[in-house]
C-alpha atoms as a PDB file:
ATOM      1  CA  MET A   1     101.659  94.042  81.904  1.00  0.00           C
ATOM      2  CA  ASN A   2     103.721  97.077  82.889  1.00  0.00           C
ATOM      3  CA  LYS A   3     105.414  96.781  86.257  1.00  0.00           C
ATOM      4  CA  PRO A   4     105.941  99.968  88.281  1.00  0.00           C
ATOM      5  CA  GLN A   5     109.510 101.210  88.635  1.00  0.00           C
ATOM      6  CA  LEU A   6     111.036 100.899  92.096  1.00  0.00           C
ATOM      7  CA  SER A   7     111.138 104.694  92.481  1.00  0.00           C
ATOM      8  CA  ALA A   8     107.353 104.730  92.020  1.00  0.00           C
ATOM      9  CA  LEU A   9     106.880 102.419  95.018  1.00  0.00           C
ATOM     10  CA  MET A  10     106.555 103.203  98.709  1.00  0.00           C
ATOM     11  CA  THR A  11     106.853 100.969 101.717  1.00  0.00           C
ATOM     12  CA  VAL A  12     103.711 100.375 103.738  1.00  0.00           C
ATOM     13  CA  LYS A  13     105.186 102.534 106.511  1.00  0.00           C
ATOM     14  CA  GLU A  14     105.914 105.421 104.116  1.00  0.00           C
ATOM     15  CA  ALA A  15     102.392 105.249 102.684  1.00  0.00           C
ATOM     16  CA  ALA A  16     100.876 105.143 106.176  1.00  0.00           C
ATOM     17  CA  GLU A  17     102.858 108.182 107.291  1.00  0.00           C
ATOM     18  CA  TYR A  18     101.868 110.093 104.143  1.00  0.00           C
ATOM     19  CA  LEU A  19      98.179 109.224 104.586  1.00  0.00           C
ATOM     20  CA  HIS A  20      98.195 109.632 108.389  1.00  0.00           C
ATOM     21  CA  VAL A  21      96.764 106.165 108.923  1.00  0.00           C
ATOM     22  CA  SER A  22      98.140 102.967 110.437  1.00  0.00           C
ATOM     23  CA  THR A  23     100.204 100.435 108.541  1.00  0.00           C
ATOM     24  CA  GLN A  24      97.394  97.914 109.115  1.00  0.00           C
ATOM     25  CA  THR A  25      94.976 100.251 107.315  1.00  0.00           C
ATOM     26  CA  VAL A  26      97.325 100.537 104.326  1.00  0.00           C
ATOM     27  CA  ARG A  27      97.677  96.752 104.140  1.00  0.00           C
ATOM     28  CA  ARG A  28      93.899  96.308 104.376  1.00  0.00           C
ATOM     29  CA  TRP A  29      93.294  98.879 101.631  1.00  0.00           C
ATOM     30  CA  ALA A  30      95.840  97.076  99.458  1.00  0.00           C
ATOM     31  CA  ARG A  31      94.191  93.686 100.065  1.00  0.00           C
ATOM     32  CA  ASP A  32      90.785  95.274  99.302  1.00  0.00           C
ATOM     33  CA  ASN A  33      92.223  96.707  96.049  1.00  0.00           C
ATOM     34  CA  LEU A  34      91.734 100.304  97.179  1.00  0.00           C
ATOM     35  CA  LEU A  35      95.458 100.886  96.652  1.00  0.00           C
ATOM     36  CA  LYS A  36      97.610  99.401  93.922  1.00  0.00           C
ATOM     37  CA  TYR A  37     100.518  97.352  95.205  1.00  0.00           C
ATOM     38  CA  VAL A  38     103.127  94.792  94.282  1.00  0.00           C
ATOM     39  CA  ARG A  39     104.487  92.029  96.473  1.00  0.00           C
ATOM     40  CA  LEU A  40     108.232  91.738  96.982  1.00  0.00           C
ATOM     41  CA  GLY A  41     108.600  88.460  98.799  1.00  0.00           C
ATOM     42  CA  LYS A  42     106.322  88.763 101.834  1.00  0.00           C
ATOM     43  CA  GLU A  43     106.226  92.560 101.775  1.00  0.00           C
ATOM     44  CA  TYR A  44     103.873  94.979 100.048  1.00  0.00           C
ATOM     45  CA  ARG A  45     105.098  97.972  98.081  1.00  0.00           C
ATOM     46  CA  ILE A  46     102.434 100.573  97.418  1.00  0.00           C
ATOM     47  CA  VAL A  47     102.292 102.227  93.995  1.00  0.00           C
ATOM     48  CA  ARG A  48     102.795 105.930  94.654  1.00  0.00           C
ATOM     49  CA  ASP A  49     100.322 106.991  91.931  1.00  0.00           C
ATOM     50  CA  SER A  50      97.506 105.061  93.625  1.00  0.00           C
ATOM     51  CA  LEU A  51      97.684 107.236  96.758  1.00  0.00           C
ATOM     52  CA  PRO A  52      95.308 110.177  97.122  1.00  0.00           C
ATOM     53  CA  LYS A  53      97.032 113.433  96.203  1.00  0.00           C
ATOM     54  CA  ILE A  54      95.959 115.030  99.504  1.00  0.00           C
ATOM     55  CA  PRO A  55      96.863 113.145 102.699  1.00  0.00           C
ATOM     56  CA  MET A  56      93.829 111.824 104.584  1.00  0.00           C
ATOM     57  CA  GLN A  57      94.257 113.903 107.749  1.00  0.00           C
ATOM     58  CA  GLN A  58      94.505 117.159 105.791  1.00  0.00           C
ATOM     59  CA  LYS A  59      91.487 116.198 103.687  1.00  0.00           C
ATOM     60  CA  ASN A  60      89.424 115.309 106.775  1.00  0.00           C
ATOM     61  CA  SER A  61      90.320 118.540 108.590  1.00  0.00           C
ATOM     62  CA  GLU A  62      89.314 120.591 105.549  1.00  0.00           C
ATOM     63  CA  ASN A  63      85.918 118.843 105.495  1.00  0.00           C
ATOM     64  CA  LEU A  64      85.411 119.573 109.197  1.00  0.00           C
ATOM     65  CA  GLU A  65      86.265 123.248 108.667  1.00  0.00           C
ATOM     66  CA  ARG A  66      83.700 123.523 105.876  1.00  0.00           C
ATOM     67  CA  LYS A  67      80.985 121.892 108.009  1.00  0.00           C
ATOM     68  CA  SER A  68      81.595 124.269 110.910  1.00  0.00           C
ATOM     69  CA  GLU A  69      81.319 127.418 108.772  1.00  0.00           C
ATOM     70  CA  PRO A  70      77.990 129.295 109.136  1.00  0.00           C
END
């Protein structure tokens, strides 16, 4: 099994800031296998490639703009 390189990992806080969600949400998504992660001791490290390419807040605002167009 290939393990991700450390440079390909993000802390939960970094992933949460990138996605514009809480750290609890990132941990829940990891536990629910929506995000790939590795455990380092008691801490999660999120695999950068498993994150959506567009942050959540930006994606959601684009969807709202499209809905409000005539």
